[in-house]
PDB file of N, CA and C in Angstrom:
ATOM      1  N   UNK A   1     151.443 185.974 139.423  1.00  0.00           N
ATOM      2  CA  UNK A   1     152.714 185.602 140.003  1.00  0.00           C
ATOM      3  C   UNK A   1     152.559 184.222 140.631  1.00  0.00           C
ATOM      4  N   UNK A   2     153.436 183.289 140.252  1.00  0.00           N
ATOM      5  CA  UNK A   2     153.363 181.923 140.756  1.00  0.00           C
ATOM      6  C   UNK A   2     154.037 181.774 142.110  1.00  0.00           C
ATOM      7  N   UNK A   3     153.851 180.626 142.693  1.00  0.00           N
ATOM      8  CA  UNK A   3     154.417 180.324 144.004  1.00  0.00           C
ATOM      9  C   UNK A   3     155.940 180.399 143.989  1.00  0.00           C
ATOM     10  N   UNK A   4     156.552 179.818 142.950  1.00  0.00           N
ATOM     11  CA  UNK A   4     158.009 179.804 142.907  1.00  0.00           C
ATOM     12  C   UNK A   4     158.611 181.190 142.713  1.00  0.00           C
ATOM     13  N   UNK A   5     157.948 182.026 141.927  1.00  0.00           N
ATOM     14  CA  UNK A   5     158.474 183.379 141.742  1.00  0.00           C
ATOM     15  C   UNK A   5     158.337 184.200 143.023  1.00  0.00           C
ATOM     16  N   UNK A   6     157.307 183.918 143.847  1.00  0.00           N
ATOM     17  CA  UNK A   6     157.171 184.602 145.132  1.00  0.00           C
ATOM     18  C   UNK A   6     158.301 184.223 146.080  1.00  0.00           C
ATOM     19  N   UNK A   7     158.775 182.979 145.932  1.00  0.00           N
ATOM     20  CA  UNK A   7     159.867 182.503 146.784  1.00  0.00           C
ATOM     21  C   UNK A   7     161.244 182.923 146.265  1.00  0.00           C
ATOM     22  N   UNK A   8     161.277 183.551 145.094  1.00  0.00           N
ATOM     23  CA  UNK A   8     162.543 184.044 144.550  1.00  0.00           C
ATOM     24  C   UNK A   8     163.196 183.109 143.556  1.00  0.00           C
ATOM     25  N   UNK A   9     162.530 182.030 143.154  1.00  0.00           N
ATOM     26  CA  UNK A   9     163.089 181.107 142.181  1.00  0.00           C
ATOM     27  C   UNK A   9     162.798 181.601 140.780  1.00  0.00           C
ATOM     28  N   UNK A  10     163.755 181.369 139.873  1.00  0.00           N
ATOM     29  CA  UNK A  10     163.569 181.701 138.467  1.00  0.00           C
ATOM     30  C   UNK A  10     163.620 180.417 137.656  1.00  0.00           C
ATOM     31  N   UNK A  11     162.872 180.385 136.552  1.00  0.00           N
ATOM     32  CA  UNK A  11     162.856 179.194 135.707  1.00  0.00           C
ATOM     33  C   UNK A  11     164.242 178.955 135.107  1.00  0.00           C
ATOM     34  N   UNK A  12     164.818 179.954 134.505  1.00  0.00           N
ATOM     35  CA  UNK A  12     166.175 179.866 133.975  1.00  0.00           C
ATOM     36  C   UNK A  12     166.915 181.128 134.381  1.00  0.00           C
ATOM     37  N   UNK A  13     168.200 181.064 134.298  1.00  0.00           N
ATOM     38  CA  UNK A  13     168.993 182.247 134.604  1.00  0.00           C
ATOM     39  C   UNK A  13     170.077 182.386 133.548  1.00  0.00           C
ATOM     40  N   UNK A  14     170.579 183.569 133.399  1.00  0.00           N
ATOM     41  CA  UNK A  14     171.570 183.810 132.363  1.00  0.00           C
ATOM     42  C   UNK A  14     172.924 183.263 132.757  1.00  0.00           C
ATOM     43  N   UNK A  15     173.723 183.017 131.767  1.00  0.00           N
ATOM     44  CA  UNK A  15     175.063 182.503 131.991  1.00  0.00           C
ATOM     45  C   UNK A  15     175.951 183.501 132.704  1.00  0.00           C
ATOM     46  N   UNK A  16     175.669 184.802 132.532  1.00  0.00           N
ATOM     47  CA  UNK A  16     176.492 185.815 133.181  1.00  0.00           C
ATOM     48  C   UNK A  16     176.418 185.699 134.699  1.00  0.00           C
ATOM     49  N   UNK A  17     175.253 185.330 135.235  1.00  0.00           N
ATOM     50  CA  UNK A  17     175.091 185.224 136.684  1.00  0.00           C
ATOM     51  C   UNK A  17     175.866 184.044 137.258  1.00  0.00           C
ATOM     52  N   UNK A  18     175.992 182.956 136.509  1.00  0.00           N
ATOM     53  CA  UNK A  18     176.632 181.745 137.009  1.00  0.00           C
ATOM     54  C   UNK A  18     178.070 181.569 136.523  1.00  0.00           C
ATOM     55  N   UNK A  19     178.570 182.481 135.726  1.00  0.00           N
ATOM     56  CA  UNK A  19     179.864 182.273 135.090  1.00  0.00           C
ATOM     57  C   UNK A  19     181.003 182.105 136.083  1.00  0.00           C
ATOM     58  N   UNK A  20     181.005 182.851 137.160  1.00  0.00           N
ATOM     59  CA  UNK A  20     182.089 182.725 138.145  1.00  0.00           C
ATOM     60  C   UNK A  20     182.062 181.364 138.827  1.00  0.00           C
ATOM     61  N   UNK A  21     180.877 180.849 139.118  1.00  0.00           N
ATOM     62  CA  UNK A  21     180.759 179.550 139.786  1.00  0.00           C
ATOM     63  C   UNK A  21     181.082 178.399 138.833  1.00  0.00           C
ATOM     64  N   UNK A  22     180.812 178.566 137.551  1.00  0.00           N
ATOM     65  CA  UNK A  22     181.055 177.495 136.586  1.00  0.00           C
ATOM     66  C   UNK A  22     182.500 177.414 136.127  1.00  0.00           C
ATOM     67  N   UNK A  23     183.227 178.533 136.192  1.00  0.00           N
ATOM     68  CA  UNK A  23     184.608 178.548 135.705  1.00  0.00           C
ATOM     69  C   UNK A  23     185.465 177.542 136.471  1.00  0.00           C
ATOM     70  N   UNK A  24     186.116 176.658 135.733  1.00  0.00           N
ATOM     71  CA  UNK A  24     187.012 175.676 136.324  1.00  0.00           C
ATOM     72  C   UNK A  24     186.323 174.432 136.859  1.00  0.00           C
ATOM     73  N   UNK A  25     185.010 174.344 136.676  1.00  0.00           N
ATOM     74  CA  UNK A  25     184.257 173.200 137.182  1.00  0.00           C
ATOM     75  C   UNK A  25     184.646 171.939 136.410  1.00  0.00           C
ATOM     76  N   UNK A  26     185.013 170.876 137.128  1.00  0.00           N
ATOM     77  CA  UNK A  26     185.377 169.602 136.506  1.00  0.00           C
ATOM     78  C   UNK A  26     184.115 168.851 136.096  1.00  0.00           C
ATOM     79  N   UNK A  27     184.171 168.237 134.924  1.00  0.00           N
ATOM     80  CA  UNK A  27     183.027 167.548 134.342  1.00  0.00           C
ATOM     81  C   UNK A  27     183.259 166.043 134.355  1.00  0.00           C
ATOM     82  N   UNK A  28     182.243 165.293 134.784  1.00  0.00           N
ATOM     83  CA  UNK A  28     182.297 163.832 134.745  1.00  0.00           C
ATOM     84  C   UNK A  28     181.911 163.341 133.350  1.00  0.00           C
ATOM     85  N   UNK A  29     180.760 163.800 132.849  1.00  0.00           N
ATOM     86  CA  UNK A  29     180.342 163.503 131.482  1.00  0.00           C
ATOM     87  C   UNK A  29     179.333 164.539 131.009  1.00  0.00           C
ATOM     88  N   UNK A  30     179.108 164.580 129.689  1.00  0.00           N
ATOM     89  CA  UNK A  30     178.219 165.559 129.068  1.00  0.00           C
ATOM     90  C   UNK A  30     177.232 164.830 128.170  1.00  0.00           C
ATOM     91  N   UNK A  31     175.964 165.225 128.264  1.00  0.00           N
ATOM     92  CA  UNK A  31     174.952 164.710 127.340  1.00  0.00           C
ATOM     93  C   UNK A  31     174.396 165.868 126.529  1.00  0.00           C
ATOM     94  N   UNK A  32     173.900 165.536 125.341  1.00  0.00           N
ATOM     95  CA  UNK A  32     173.223 166.533 124.511  1.00  0.00           C
ATOM     96  C   UNK A  32     171.765 166.117 124.395  1.00  0.00           C
ATOM     97  N   UNK A  33     170.884 167.056 124.632  1.00  0.00           N
ATOM     98  CA  UNK A  33     169.455 166.779 124.531  1.00  0.00           C
ATOM     99  C   UNK A  33     169.007 167.057 123.104  1.00  0.00           C
ATOM    100  N   UNK A  34     168.554 165.989 122.446  1.00  0.00           N
ATOM    101  CA  UNK A  34     168.040 166.094 121.081  1.00  0.00           C
ATOM    102  C   UNK A  34     166.613 165.564 121.119  1.00  0.00           C
ATOM    103  N   UNK A  35     165.660 166.460 120.967  1.00  0.00           N
ATOM    104  CA  UNK A  35     164.258 166.084 121.089  1.00  0.00           C
ATOM    105  C   UNK A  35     163.948 165.691 122.524  1.00  0.00           C
ATOM    106  N   UNK A  36     163.500 164.470 122.714  1.00  0.00           N
ATOM    107  CA  UNK A  36     163.155 163.956 124.043  1.00  0.00           C
ATOM    108  C   UNK A  36     164.261 163.101 124.648  1.00  0.00           C
ATOM    109  N   UNK A  37     165.371 162.954 123.963  1.00  0.00           N
ATOM    110  CA  UNK A  37     166.389 161.988 124.334  1.00  0.00           C
ATOM    111  C   UNK A  37     167.708 162.679 124.692  1.00  0.00           C
ATOM    112  N   UNK A  38     168.413 162.121 125.676  1.00  0.00           N
ATOM    113  CA  UNK A  38     169.745 162.604 126.056  1.00  0.00           C
ATOM    114  C   UNK A  38     170.783 161.595 125.578  1.00  0.00           C
ATOM    115  N   UNK A  39     171.767 162.081 124.831  1.00  0.00           N
ATOM    116  CA  UNK A  39     172.810 161.227 124.273  1.00  0.00           C
ATOM    117  C   UNK A  39     174.146 161.653 124.856  1.00  0.00           C
ATOM    118  N   UNK A  40     174.924 160.696 125.376  1.00  0.00           N
ATOM    119  CA  UNK A  40     176.248 161.001 125.928  1.00  0.00           C
ATOM    120  C   UNK A  40     177.171 161.373 124.773  1.00  0.00           C
ATOM    121  N   UNK A  41     177.770 162.573 124.861  1.00  0.00           N
ATOM    122  CA  UNK A  41     178.647 163.060 123.796  1.00  0.00           C
ATOM    123  C   UNK A  41     180.082 163.253 124.257  1.00  0.00           C
ATOM    124  N   UNK A  42     180.341 163.131 125.567  1.00  0.00           N
ATOM    125  CA  UNK A  42     181.706 163.298 126.035  1.00  0.00           C
ATOM    126  C   UNK A  42     181.880 162.856 127.471  1.00  0.00           C
ATOM    127  N   UNK A  43     183.100 162.468 127.790  1.00  0.00           N
ATOM    128  CA  UNK A  43     183.443 162.062 129.152  1.00  0.00           C
ATOM    129  C   UNK A  43     184.669 162.847 129.604  1.00  0.00           C
ATOM    130  N   UNK A  44     184.626 163.297 130.856  1.00  0.00           N
ATOM    131  CA  UNK A  44     185.715 164.110 131.379  1.00  0.00           C
ATOM    132  C   UNK A  44     185.642 165.513 130.809  1.00  0.00           C
ATOM    133  N   UNK A  45     186.465 166.388 131.323  1.00  0.00           N
ATOM    134  CA  UNK A  45     186.529 167.737 130.786  1.00  0.00           C
ATOM    135  C   UNK A  45     186.291 168.800 131.836  1.00  0.00           C
ATOM    136  N   UNK A  46     186.002 170.020 131.371  1.00  0.00           N
ATOM    137  CA  UNK A  46     185.799 171.143 132.273  1.00  0.00           C
ATOM    138  C   UNK A  46     185.039 172.265 131.576  1.00  0.00           C
ATOM    139  N   UNK A  47     184.634 173.233 132.383  1.00  0.00           N
ATOM    140  CA  UNK A  47     183.981 174.443 131.877  1.00  0.00           C
ATOM    141  C   UNK A  47     184.929 175.603 132.146  1.00  0.00           C
ATOM    142  N   UNK A  48     185.109 176.439 131.146  1.00  0.00           N
ATOM    143  CA  UNK A  48     185.992 177.589 131.275  1.00  0.00           C
ATOM    144  C   UNK A  48     185.258 178.839 130.797  1.00  0.00           C
ATOM    145  N   UNK A  49     185.488 179.941 131.494  1.00  0.00           N
ATOM    146  CA  UNK A  49     184.906 181.222 131.107  1.00  0.00           C
ATOM    147  C   UNK A  49     186.045 182.199 130.884  1.00  0.00           C
ATOM    148  N   UNK A  50     186.109 182.744 129.657  1.00  0.00           N
ATOM    149  CA  UNK A  50     187.132 183.740 129.358  1.00  0.00           C
ATOM    150  C   UNK A  50     186.686 184.638 128.212  1.00  0.00           C
ATOM    151  N   UNK A  51     187.043 185.882 128.304  1.00  0.00           N
ATOM    152  CA  UNK A  51     186.725 186.883 127.277  1.00  0.00           C
ATOM    153  C   UNK A  51     185.240 186.924 126.930  1.00  0.00           C
ATOM    154  N   UNK A  52     184.381 186.802 127.929  1.00  0.00           N
ATOM    155  CA  UNK A  52     182.947 186.894 127.694  1.00  0.00           C
ATOM    156  C   UNK A  52     182.332 185.673 127.048  1.00  0.00           C
ATOM    157  N   UNK A  53     183.081 184.561 127.006  1.00  0.00           N
ATOM    158  CA  UNK A  53     182.602 183.329 126.400  1.00  0.00           C
ATOM    159  C   UNK A  53     182.670 182.183 127.395  1.00  0.00           C
ATOM    160  N   UNK A  54     181.754 181.243 127.265  1.00  0.00           N
ATOM    161  CA  UNK A  54     181.808 179.999 128.024  1.00  0.00           C
ATOM    162  C   UNK A  54     182.260 178.908 127.066  1.00  0.00           C
ATOM    163  N   UNK A  55     183.246 178.125 127.508  1.00  0.00           N
ATOM    164  CA  UNK A  55     183.756 177.014 126.720  1.00  0.00           C
ATOM    165  C   UNK A  55     183.508 175.722 127.485  1.00  0.00           C
ATOM    166  N   UNK A  56     182.856 174.770 126.847  1.00  0.00           N
ATOM    167  CA  UNK A  56     182.599 173.461 127.437  1.00  0.00           C
ATOM    168  C   UNK A  56     183.522 172.462 126.753  1.00  0.00           C
ATOM    169  N   UNK A  57     184.535 171.975 127.497  1.00  0.00           N
ATOM    170  CA  UNK A  57     185.486 171.001 126.985  1.00  0.00           C
ATOM    171  C   UNK A  57     185.085 169.612 127.453  1.00  0.00           C
ATOM    172  N   UNK A  58     185.131 168.630 126.558  1.00  0.00           N
ATOM    173  CA  UNK A  58     184.900 167.247 126.945  1.00  0.00           C
ATOM    174  C   UNK A  58     185.453 166.335 125.859  1.00  0.00           C
ATOM    175  N   UNK A  59     186.012 165.214 126.270  1.00  0.00           N
ATOM    176  CA  UNK A  59     186.603 164.242 125.333  1.00  0.00           C
ATOM    177  C   UNK A  59     187.584 164.919 124.379  1.00  0.00           C
ATOM    178  N   UNK A  60     188.441 165.776 124.925  1.00  0.00           N
ATOM    179  CA  UNK A  60     189.509 166.448 124.181  1.00  0.00           C
ATOM    180  C   UNK A  60     189.033 167.330 123.028  1.00  0.00           C
ATOM    181  N   UNK A  61     187.824 167.886 123.134  1.00  0.00           N
ATOM    182  CA  UNK A  61     187.352 168.830 122.117  1.00  0.00           C
ATOM    183  C   UNK A  61     186.421 169.845 122.762  1.00  0.00           C
ATOM    184  N   UNK A  62     186.211 170.935 122.069  1.00  0.00           N
ATOM    185  CA  UNK A  62     185.295 171.973 122.542  1.00  0.00           C
ATOM    186  C   UNK A  62     183.909 171.629 122.009  1.00  0.00           C
ATOM    187  N   UNK A  63     182.993 171.311 122.920  1.00  0.00           N
ATOM    188  CA  UNK A  63     181.624 170.998 122.517  1.00  0.00           C
ATOM    189  C   UNK A  63     180.795 172.253 122.311  1.00  0.00           C
ATOM    190  N   UNK A  64     181.034 173.270 123.152  1.00  0.00           N
ATOM    191  CA  UNK A  64     180.217 174.483 123.098  1.00  0.00           C
ATOM    192  C   UNK A  64     181.085 175.701 123.339  1.00  0.00           C
ATOM    193  N   UNK A  65     180.948 176.670 122.446  1.00  0.00           N
ATOM    194  CA  UNK A  65     181.561 177.998 122.614  1.00  0.00           C
ATOM    195  C   UNK A  65     180.421 178.991 122.460  1.00  0.00           C
ATOM    196  N   UNK A  66     180.087 179.662 123.571  1.00  0.00           N
ATOM    197  CA  UNK A  66     178.916 180.538 123.549  1.00  0.00           C
ATOM    198  C   UNK A  66     179.194 181.842 124.277  1.00  0.00           C
ATOM    199  N   UNK A  67     178.586 182.929 123.774  1.00  0.00           N
ATOM    200  CA  UNK A  67     178.648 184.210 124.473  1.00  0.00           C
ATOM    201  C   UNK A  67     177.832 184.119 125.750  1.00  0.00           C
ATOM    202  N   UNK A  68     178.329 184.729 126.815  1.00  0.00           N
ATOM    203  CA  UNK A  68     177.602 184.712 128.085  1.00  0.00           C
ATOM    204  C   UNK A  68     176.264 185.436 127.975  1.00  0.00           C
ATOM    205  N   UNK A  69     176.173 186.400 127.070  1.00  0.00           N
ATOM    206  CA  UNK A  69     174.933 187.166 126.918  1.00  0.00           C
ATOM    207  C   UNK A  69     173.803 186.332 126.312  1.00  0.00           C
ATOM    208  N   UNK A  70     174.142 185.329 125.510  1.00  0.00           N
ATOM    209  CA  UNK A  70     173.120 184.504 124.860  1.00  0.00           C
ATOM    210  C   UNK A  70     172.946 183.147 125.530  1.00  0.00           C
ATOM    211  N   UNK A  71     173.704 182.886 126.561  1.00  0.00           N
ATOM    212  CA  UNK A  71     173.691 181.589 127.242  1.00  0.00           C
ATOM    213  C   UNK A  71     172.607 181.538 128.311  1.00  0.00           C
ATOM    214  N   UNK A  72     171.827 180.459 128.312  1.00  0.00           N
ATOM    215  CA  UNK A  72     170.911 180.162 129.408  1.00  0.00           C
ATOM    216  C   UNK A  72     171.520 179.007 130.189  1.00  0.00           C
ATOM    217  N   UNK A  73     171.742 179.229 131.484  1.00  0.00           N
ATOM    218  CA  UNK A  73     172.327 178.197 132.341  1.00  0.00           C
ATOM    219  C   UNK A  73     171.428 178.000 133.543  1.00  0.00           C
ATOM    220  N   UNK A  74     171.110 176.749 133.827  1.00  0.00           N
ATOM    221  CA  UNK A  74     170.320 176.449 135.018  1.00  0.00           C
ATOM    222  C   UNK A  74     170.825 175.151 135.626  1.00  0.00           C
ATOM    223  N   UNK A  75     170.942 175.158 136.948  1.00  0.00           N
ATOM    224  CA  UNK A  75     171.436 173.987 137.655  1.00  0.00           C
ATOM    225  C   UNK A  75     170.366 172.910 137.723  1.00  0.00           C
ATOM    226  N   UNK A  76     170.791 171.655 137.715  1.00  0.00           N
ATOM    227  CA  UNK A  76     169.879 170.543 137.954  1.00  0.00           C
ATOM    228  C   UNK A  76     169.410 170.621 139.400  1.00  0.00           C
ATOM    229  N   UNK A  77     168.212 170.146 139.679  1.00  0.00           N
ATOM    230  CA  UNK A  77     167.680 170.199 141.042  1.00  0.00           C
ATOM    231  C   UNK A  77     168.560 169.439 142.025  1.00  0.00           C
ATOM    232  N   UNK A  78     169.216 168.383 141.558  1.00  0.00           N
ATOM    233  CA  UNK A  78     170.100 167.602 142.424  1.00  0.00           C
ATOM    234  C   UNK A  78     171.391 168.353 142.746  1.00  0.00           C
ATOM    235  N   UNK A  79     171.726 169.374 141.946  1.00  0.00           N
ATOM    236  CA  UNK A  79     172.970 170.105 142.129  1.00  0.00           C
ATOM    237  C   UNK A  79     174.162 169.396 141.513  1.00  0.00           C
ATOM    238  N   UNK A  80     173.919 168.288 140.808  1.00  0.00           N
ATOM    239  CA  UNK A  80     174.994 167.489 140.223  1.00  0.00           C
ATOM    240  C   UNK A  80     175.447 167.972 138.860  1.00  0.00           C
ATOM    241  N   UNK A  81     174.819 168.997 138.324  1.00  0.00           N
ATOM    242  CA  UNK A  81     175.186 169.445 136.994  1.00  0.00           C
ATOM    243  C   UNK A  81     174.469 170.719 136.603  1.00  0.00           C
ATOM    244  N   UNK A  82     174.658 171.083 135.335  1.00  0.00           N
ATOM    245  CA  UNK A  82     174.078 172.316 134.810  1.00  0.00           C
ATOM    246  C   UNK A  82     173.602 172.071 133.381  1.00  0.00           C
ATOM    247  N   UNK A  83     172.477 172.708 133.037  1.00  0.00           N
ATOM    248  CA  UNK A  83     171.954 172.652 131.667  1.00  0.00           C
ATOM    249  C   UNK A  83     172.398 173.932 130.973  1.00  0.00           C
ATOM    250  N   UNK A  84     173.092 173.795 129.861  1.00  0.00           N
ATOM    251  CA  UNK A  84     173.596 174.932 129.090  1.00  0.00           C
ATOM    252  C   UNK A  84     172.906 174.954 127.733  1.00  0.00           C
ATOM    253  N   UNK A  85     172.202 176.041 127.453  1.00  0.00           N
ATOM    254  CA  UNK A  85     171.507 176.201 126.176  1.00  0.00           C
ATOM    255  C   UNK A  85     171.970 177.508 125.545  1.00  0.00           C
ATOM    256  N   UNK A  86     172.496 177.393 124.318  1.00  0.00           N
ATOM    257  CA  UNK A  86     173.008 178.592 123.646  1.00  0.00           C
ATOM    258  C   UNK A  86     173.310 178.287 122.187  1.00  0.00           C
ATOM    259  N   UNK A  87     173.383 179.342 121.366  1.00  0.00           N
ATOM    260  CA  UNK A  87     173.885 179.159 120.002  1.00  0.00           C
ATOM    261  C   UNK A  87     175.388 178.887 120.051  1.00  0.00           C
ATOM    262  N   UNK A  88     175.828 177.853 119.358  1.00  0.00           N
ATOM    263  CA  UNK A  88     177.243 177.485 119.345  1.00  0.00           C
ATOM    264  C   UNK A  88     177.983 178.304 118.292  1.00  0.00           C
ATOM    265  N   UNK A  89     178.945 179.085 118.717  1.00  0.00           N
ATOM    266  CA  UNK A  89     179.688 179.954 117.801  1.00  0.00           C
ATOM    267  C   UNK A  89     180.527 179.159 116.809  1.00  0.00           C
ATOM    268  N   UNK A  90     180.933 177.939 117.175  1.00  0.00           N
ATOM    269  CA  UNK A  90     181.739 177.114 116.273  1.00  0.00           C
ATOM    270  C   UNK A  90     180.905 176.466 115.178  1.00  0.00           C
ATOM    271  N   UNK A  91     179.575 176.510 115.301  1.00  0.00           N
ATOM    272  CA  UNK A  91     178.684 175.910 114.308  1.00  0.00           C
ATOM    273  C   UNK A  91     177.743 176.950 113.707  1.00  0.00           C
ATOM    274  N   UNK A  92     178.247 178.153 113.530  1.00  0.00           N
ATOM    275  CA  UNK A  92     177.500 179.256 112.915  1.00  0.00           C
ATOM    276  C   UNK A  92     176.174 179.544 113.607  1.00  0.00           C
ATOM    277  N   UNK A  93     176.171 179.465 114.946  1.00  0.00           N
ATOM    278  CA  UNK A  93     175.000 179.852 115.719  1.00  0.00           C
ATOM    279  C   UNK A  93     173.930 178.791 115.861  1.00  0.00           C
ATOM    280  N   UNK A  94     174.245 177.536 115.592  1.00  0.00           N
ATOM    281  CA  UNK A  94     173.260 176.464 115.761  1.00  0.00           C
ATOM    282  C   UNK A  94     172.955 176.287 117.247  1.00  0.00           C
ATOM    283  N   UNK A  95     171.665 176.289 117.596  1.00  0.00           N
ATOM    284  CA  UNK A  95     171.234 176.168 118.997  1.00  0.00           C
ATOM    285  C   UNK A  95     171.550 174.773 119.522  1.00  0.00           C
ATOM    286  N   UNK A  96     172.252 174.702 120.662  1.00  0.00           N
ATOM    287  CA  UNK A  96     172.619 173.438 121.290  1.00  0.00           C
ATOM    288  C   UNK A  96     172.169 173.431 122.737  1.00  0.00           C
ATOM    289  N   UNK A  97     171.843 172.245 123.253  1.00  0.00           N
ATOM    290  CA  UNK A  97     171.450 172.081 124.644  1.00  0.00           C
ATOM    291  C   UNK A  97     172.259 170.929 125.236  1.00  0.00           C
ATOM    292  N   UNK A  98     173.192 171.280 126.123  1.00  0.00           N
ATOM    293  CA  UNK A  98     174.059 170.292 126.758  1.00  0.00           C
ATOM    294  C   UNK A  98     173.761 170.231 128.251  1.00  0.00           C
ATOM    295  N   UNK A  99     173.896 169.046 128.805  1.00  0.00           N
ATOM    296  CA  UNK A  99     173.801 168.860 130.242  1.00  0.00           C
ATOM    297  C   UNK A  99     175.148 168.347 130.706  1.00  0.00           C
ATOM    298  N   UNK A 100     175.836 169.140 131.508  1.00  0.00           N
ATOM    299  CA  UNK A 100     177.159 168.786 132.019  1.00  0.00           C
ATOM    300  C   UNK A 100     177.015 168.330 133.465  1.00  0.00           C
ATOM    301  N   UNK A 101     177.455 167.106 133.737  1.00  0.00           N
ATOM    302  CA  UNK A 101     177.392 166.541 135.083  1.00  0.00           C
ATOM    303  C   UNK A 101     178.749 166.712 135.752  1.00  0.00           C
ATOM    304  N   UNK A 102     178.737 167.276 136.961  1.00  0.00           N
ATOM    305  CA  UNK A 102     179.968 167.608 137.656  1.00  0.00           C
ATOM    306  C   UNK A 102     180.608 166.380 138.302  1.00  0.00           C
ATOM    307  N   UNK A 103     181.925 166.463 138.470  1.00  0.00           N
ATOM    308  CA  UNK A 103     182.658 165.472 139.243  1.00  0.00           C
ATOM    309  C   UNK A 103     182.382 165.769 140.704  1.00  0.00           C
ATOM    310  N   UNK A 104     182.076 164.736 141.465  1.00  0.00           N
ATOM    311  CA  UNK A 104     181.768 164.909 142.885  1.00  0.00           C
ATOM    312  C   UNK A 104     183.047 164.788 143.697  1.00  0.00           C
ATOM    313  N   UNK A 105     183.347 165.823 144.467  1.00  0.00           N
ATOM    314  CA  UNK A 105     184.485 165.800 145.379  1.00  0.00           C
ATOM    315  C   UNK A 105     183.967 165.915 146.800  1.00  0.00           C
ATOM    316  N   UNK A 106     184.371 165.010 147.639  1.00  0.00           N
ATOM    317  CA  UNK A 106     183.972 165.085 149.042  1.00  0.00           C
ATOM    318  C   UNK A 106     184.784 166.179 149.710  1.00  0.00           C
ATOM    319  N   UNK A 107     184.107 167.056 150.429  1.00  0.00           N
ATOM    320  CA  UNK A 107     184.795 168.174 151.091  1.00  0.00           C
ATOM    321  C   UNK A 107     184.880 167.937 152.573  1.00  0.00           C
TER     322      UNK A 107
END
């Protein structure tokens, strides 16, 4: 058992656990991780959760449609975004890894 697991931290967590917090989250921009590189694929948008699916909207299109059961979601350490890894239902299950950066609102 490692130090982080003793403290209650998990390496990744399922999308089902974070779905309520992610629903309606405004997105500043989205990158896709391909190999070692992050490429900007969209600006603006939001995350929506409905009917057991997570939908990532950006640049007026759906980038990711994934079942919550197969989705791995983990927040960035800065808290400025989330890493979403899942098979994309719109691309016949092709594995995609997107990083969605949130819009910052001062509270």
